[in-house]
Amino acid sequence: MNVKPLADRVLIEPAPAETKTVGGIIIKEKPLRGTIVAVGNGTKDEEMVLKVGDQVLYGKYAGTELELEGKKYLIMRQSDVVAILG
């Protein structure tokens, strides 16, 4: 894969979705965490603080979903990432 996000955007590989069974109904929850696989250079107003390999948390509706080479990814602005996991 050769994708380079522009400006303050990052490409994230989401963690696998969690599946729960409630009263016989299967619920598949959208993950809220993932791994950064590519980063942009930042902007003159916002330095890129995230780096490839960071484990991050992001908002439930953040980003745009992409499918590249059969895998699902999210691309979003650095400001949509709410935390780096330690």
N, C-alpha and C. Protein backbone atom coordinates (compact mmCIF):
# COMPACT_ATOMS: atom_id res chain seq x y z
N MET A 1 0.85 -1.18 0.00
CA MET A 1 0.00 0.00 0.00
C MET A 1 0.89 1.23 0.00
N ASN A 2 0.52 2.22 -0.81
CA ASN A 2 1.31 3.43 -0.89
C ASN A 2 0.38 4.63 -0.81
N VAL A 3 -0.10 4.95 0.39
CA VAL A 3 -1.00 6.08 0.61
C VAL A 3 -0.30 7.06 1.53
N LYS A 4 -0.23 8.32 1.14
CA LYS A 4 0.37 9.37 1.96
C LYS A 4 -0.70 10.42 2.23
N PRO A 5 -1.23 10.47 3.47
CA PRO A 5 -2.21 11.49 3.81
C PRO A 5 -1.61 12.89 3.64
N LEU A 6 -2.44 13.84 3.31
CA LEU A 6 -2.00 15.22 3.14
C LEU A 6 -2.27 16.05 4.39
N ALA A 7 -1.46 17.08 4.57
CA ALA A 7 -1.61 18.07 5.64
C ALA A 7 -1.69 17.40 7.02
N ASP A 8 -2.79 17.65 7.74
CA ASP A 8 -2.92 17.16 9.12
C ASP A 8 -3.77 15.89 9.21
N ARG A 9 -3.77 15.10 8.15
CA ARG A 9 -4.58 13.87 8.15
C ARG A 9 -3.73 12.64 8.48
N VAL A 10 -4.40 11.62 9.03
CA VAL A 10 -3.74 10.35 9.36
C VAL A 10 -4.58 9.20 8.81
N LEU A 11 -3.93 8.10 8.49
CA LEU A 11 -4.60 6.88 8.03
C LEU A 11 -4.53 5.88 9.18
N ILE A 12 -5.68 5.36 9.57
CA ILE A 12 -5.78 4.47 10.75
C ILE A 12 -6.36 3.13 10.34
N GLU A 13 -5.74 2.07 10.84
CA GLU A 13 -6.30 0.72 10.70
C GLU A 13 -7.10 0.45 11.97
N PRO A 14 -8.44 0.40 11.87
CA PRO A 14 -9.25 0.20 13.08
C PRO A 14 -9.02 -1.19 13.69
N ALA A 15 -9.18 -1.24 15.00
CA ALA A 15 -9.13 -2.52 15.71
C ALA A 15 -10.35 -3.34 15.27
N PRO A 16 -10.29 -4.66 15.39
CA PRO A 16 -11.45 -5.48 15.01
C PRO A 16 -12.69 -5.09 15.81
N ALA A 17 -13.84 -5.17 15.17
CA ALA A 17 -15.11 -4.85 15.83
C ALA A 17 -15.40 -5.87 16.92
N GLU A 18 -16.00 -5.40 18.00
CA GLU A 18 -16.38 -6.29 19.11
C GLU A 18 -17.82 -6.75 18.89
N THR A 19 -18.06 -8.03 19.15
CA THR A 19 -19.39 -8.60 18.98
C THR A 19 -19.95 -8.97 20.35
N LYS A 20 -21.19 -8.55 20.61
CA LYS A 20 -21.88 -8.87 21.87
C LYS A 20 -23.21 -9.52 21.53
N THR A 21 -23.68 -10.40 22.42
CA THR A 21 -25.00 -10.99 22.27
C THR A 21 -25.86 -10.50 23.43
N VAL A 22 -26.97 -9.85 23.10
CA VAL A 22 -27.88 -9.32 24.11
C VAL A 22 -29.26 -9.87 23.82
N GLY A 23 -29.74 -10.73 24.70
CA GLY A 23 -31.08 -11.29 24.53
C GLY A 23 -31.27 -12.00 23.20
N GLY A 24 -30.24 -12.69 22.72
CA GLY A 24 -30.33 -13.42 21.47
C GLY A 24 -30.07 -12.58 20.23
N ILE A 25 -29.81 -11.28 20.43
CA ILE A 25 -29.50 -10.39 19.30
C ILE A 25 -28.00 -10.15 19.28
N ILE A 26 -27.39 -10.33 18.12
CA ILE A 26 -25.95 -10.12 17.98
C ILE A 26 -25.71 -8.66 17.60
N ILE A 27 -24.89 -7.98 18.40
CA ILE A 27 -24.57 -6.57 18.16
C ILE A 27 -23.08 -6.46 17.86
N LYS A 28 -22.77 -5.86 16.73
CA LYS A 28 -21.37 -5.67 16.33
C LYS A 28 -21.05 -4.19 16.53
N GLU A 29 -20.19 -3.89 17.50
CA GLU A 29 -19.88 -2.51 17.83
C GLU A 29 -18.71 -2.00 17.00
N LYS A 30 -18.86 -0.78 16.49
CA LYS A 30 -17.81 -0.13 15.73
C LYS A 30 -16.65 0.19 16.67
N PRO A 31 -15.42 -0.17 16.29
CA PRO A 31 -14.29 0.11 17.18
C PRO A 31 -14.02 1.60 17.28
N LEU A 32 -13.49 2.01 18.43
CA LEU A 32 -13.15 3.42 18.65
C LEU A 32 -11.64 3.58 18.84
N ARG A 33 -10.90 2.54 18.47
CA ARG A 33 -9.44 2.62 18.59
C ARG A 33 -8.81 1.96 17.38
N GLY A 34 -7.56 2.28 17.16
CA GLY A 34 -6.86 1.71 16.01
C GLY A 34 -5.39 2.08 16.03
N THR A 35 -4.70 1.70 14.96
CA THR A 35 -3.27 1.92 14.82
C THR A 35 -3.02 2.84 13.63
N ILE A 36 -2.18 3.84 13.83
CA ILE A 36 -1.82 4.76 12.75
C ILE A 36 -0.87 4.06 11.80
N VAL A 37 -1.20 4.07 10.50
CA VAL A 37 -0.35 3.41 9.50
C VAL A 37 0.30 4.41 8.54
N ALA A 38 -0.17 5.65 8.51
CA ALA A 38 0.46 6.69 7.69
C ALA A 38 0.04 8.06 8.23
N VAL A 39 0.92 9.06 8.12
CA VAL A 39 0.63 10.41 8.59
C VAL A 39 1.02 11.44 7.54
N GLY A 40 0.34 12.58 7.56
CA GLY A 40 0.70 13.70 6.72
C GLY A 40 1.82 14.49 7.37
N ASN A 41 2.20 15.61 6.77
CA ASN A 41 3.29 16.44 7.29
C ASN A 41 2.85 17.49 8.28
N GLY A 42 1.55 17.63 8.50
CA GLY A 42 1.04 18.69 9.36
C GLY A 42 0.81 19.94 8.53
N THR A 43 0.45 21.02 9.20
CA THR A 43 0.25 22.30 8.55
C THR A 43 1.11 23.33 9.23
N LYS A 44 1.16 24.54 8.67
CA LYS A 44 1.97 25.59 9.30
C LYS A 44 1.39 25.99 10.65
N ASP A 45 0.08 25.77 10.84
CA ASP A 45 -0.57 26.11 12.10
C ASP A 45 -0.65 24.96 13.09
N GLU A 46 -0.51 23.71 12.58
CA GLU A 46 -0.63 22.54 13.45
C GLU A 46 0.45 21.52 13.13
N GLU A 47 1.36 21.33 14.07
CA GLU A 47 2.44 20.36 13.92
C GLU A 47 1.88 18.95 14.06
N MET A 48 2.39 18.00 13.26
CA MET A 48 1.95 16.61 13.35
C MET A 48 2.61 15.97 14.57
N VAL A 49 1.80 15.60 15.56
CA VAL A 49 2.34 14.98 16.78
C VAL A 49 2.14 13.47 16.77
N LEU A 50 1.25 12.97 15.91
CA LEU A 50 1.04 11.53 15.81
C LEU A 50 2.09 10.92 14.89
N LYS A 51 2.40 9.64 15.13
CA LYS A 51 3.38 8.97 14.28
C LYS A 51 2.91 7.56 13.96
N VAL A 52 3.48 6.98 12.93
CA VAL A 52 3.13 5.62 12.51
C VAL A 52 3.38 4.66 13.68
N GLY A 53 2.41 3.79 13.93
CA GLY A 53 2.52 2.81 15.01
C GLY A 53 1.80 3.22 16.28
N ASP A 54 1.43 4.49 16.43
CA ASP A 54 0.70 4.93 17.62
C ASP A 54 -0.65 4.23 17.69
N GLN A 55 -1.01 3.77 18.89
CA GLN A 55 -2.35 3.23 19.17
C GLN A 55 -3.18 4.41 19.64
N VAL A 56 -4.32 4.66 19.00
CA VAL A 56 -5.10 5.86 19.30
C VAL A 56 -6.58 5.56 19.52
N LEU A 57 -7.24 6.50 20.19
CA LEU A 57 -8.70 6.50 20.35
C LEU A 57 -9.24 7.65 19.51
N TYR A 58 -10.40 7.45 18.88
CA TYR A 58 -11.00 8.49 18.07
C TYR A 58 -12.51 8.48 18.28
N GLY A 59 -13.16 9.55 17.85
CA GLY A 59 -14.60 9.68 18.02
C GLY A 59 -15.39 8.65 17.22
N LYS A 60 -16.58 8.33 17.69
CA LYS A 60 -17.41 7.30 17.09
C LYS A 60 -17.73 7.57 15.62
N TYR A 61 -17.93 8.81 15.24
CA TYR A 61 -18.30 9.14 13.87
C TYR A 61 -17.18 9.85 13.12
N ALA A 62 -15.95 9.76 13.64
CA ALA A 62 -14.82 10.46 13.03
C ALA A 62 -14.33 9.74 11.78
N GLY A 63 -13.82 10.51 10.85
CA GLY A 63 -13.12 9.95 9.71
C GLY A 63 -14.00 9.49 8.55
N THR A 64 -13.29 9.15 7.48
CA THR A 64 -13.91 8.63 6.27
C THR A 64 -13.40 7.22 6.05
N GLU A 65 -14.31 6.28 5.83
CA GLU A 65 -13.91 4.88 5.65
C GLU A 65 -13.38 4.66 4.24
N LEU A 66 -12.29 3.90 4.14
CA LEU A 66 -11.68 3.52 2.87
C LEU A 66 -11.44 2.03 2.86
N GLU A 67 -11.41 1.44 1.68
CA GLU A 67 -11.00 0.04 1.56
C GLU A 67 -9.85 0.00 0.56
N LEU A 68 -8.69 -0.45 1.03
CA LEU A 68 -7.49 -0.54 0.21
C LEU A 68 -6.95 -1.95 0.27
N GLU A 69 -6.76 -2.57 -0.87
CA GLU A 69 -6.23 -3.93 -0.95
C GLU A 69 -6.99 -4.89 -0.04
N GLY A 70 -8.31 -4.73 0.03
CA GLY A 70 -9.16 -5.63 0.80
C GLY A 70 -9.22 -5.37 2.29
N LYS A 71 -8.53 -4.34 2.79
CA LYS A 71 -8.56 -4.00 4.22
C LYS A 71 -9.26 -2.67 4.41
N LYS A 72 -9.95 -2.53 5.54
CA LYS A 72 -10.67 -1.29 5.83
C LYS A 72 -9.79 -0.36 6.65
N TYR A 73 -9.85 0.93 6.32
CA TYR A 73 -9.09 1.97 6.99
C TYR A 73 -9.98 3.17 7.21
N LEU A 74 -9.53 4.07 8.08
CA LEU A 74 -10.16 5.37 8.27
C LEU A 74 -9.12 6.44 8.00
N ILE A 75 -9.53 7.52 7.33
CA ILE A 75 -8.67 8.67 7.18
C ILE A 75 -9.36 9.83 7.88
N MET A 76 -8.63 10.54 8.73
CA MET A 76 -9.22 11.62 9.51
C MET A 76 -8.18 12.68 9.84
N ARG A 77 -8.64 13.81 10.28
CA ARG A 77 -7.74 14.88 10.73
C ARG A 77 -7.15 14.49 12.08
N GLN A 78 -5.95 14.98 12.32
CA GLN A 78 -5.29 14.72 13.59
C GLN A 78 -6.17 15.19 14.76
N SER A 79 -6.90 16.27 14.58
CA SER A 79 -7.76 16.81 15.65
C SER A 79 -8.93 15.89 16.00
N ASP A 80 -9.27 14.92 15.12
CA ASP A 80 -10.34 13.96 15.42
C ASP A 80 -9.86 12.83 16.33
N VAL A 81 -8.55 12.71 16.50
CA VAL A 81 -7.99 11.70 17.41
C VAL A 81 -8.04 12.30 18.81
N VAL A 82 -8.62 11.57 19.76
CA VAL A 82 -8.81 12.13 21.10
C VAL A 82 -7.73 11.70 22.10
N ALA A 83 -6.99 10.61 21.82
CA ALA A 83 -5.96 10.17 22.77
C ALA A 83 -5.01 9.19 22.11
N ILE A 84 -3.78 9.18 22.62
CA ILE A 84 -2.79 8.16 22.26
C ILE A 84 -2.73 7.19 23.42
N LEU A 85 -2.86 5.89 23.12
CA LEU A 85 -2.80 4.87 24.17
C LEU A 85 -1.36 4.52 24.45
N GLY A 86 -1.06 4.37 25.71
CA GLY A 86 0.23 4.24 26.19
C GLY A 86 1.17 3.22 26.13
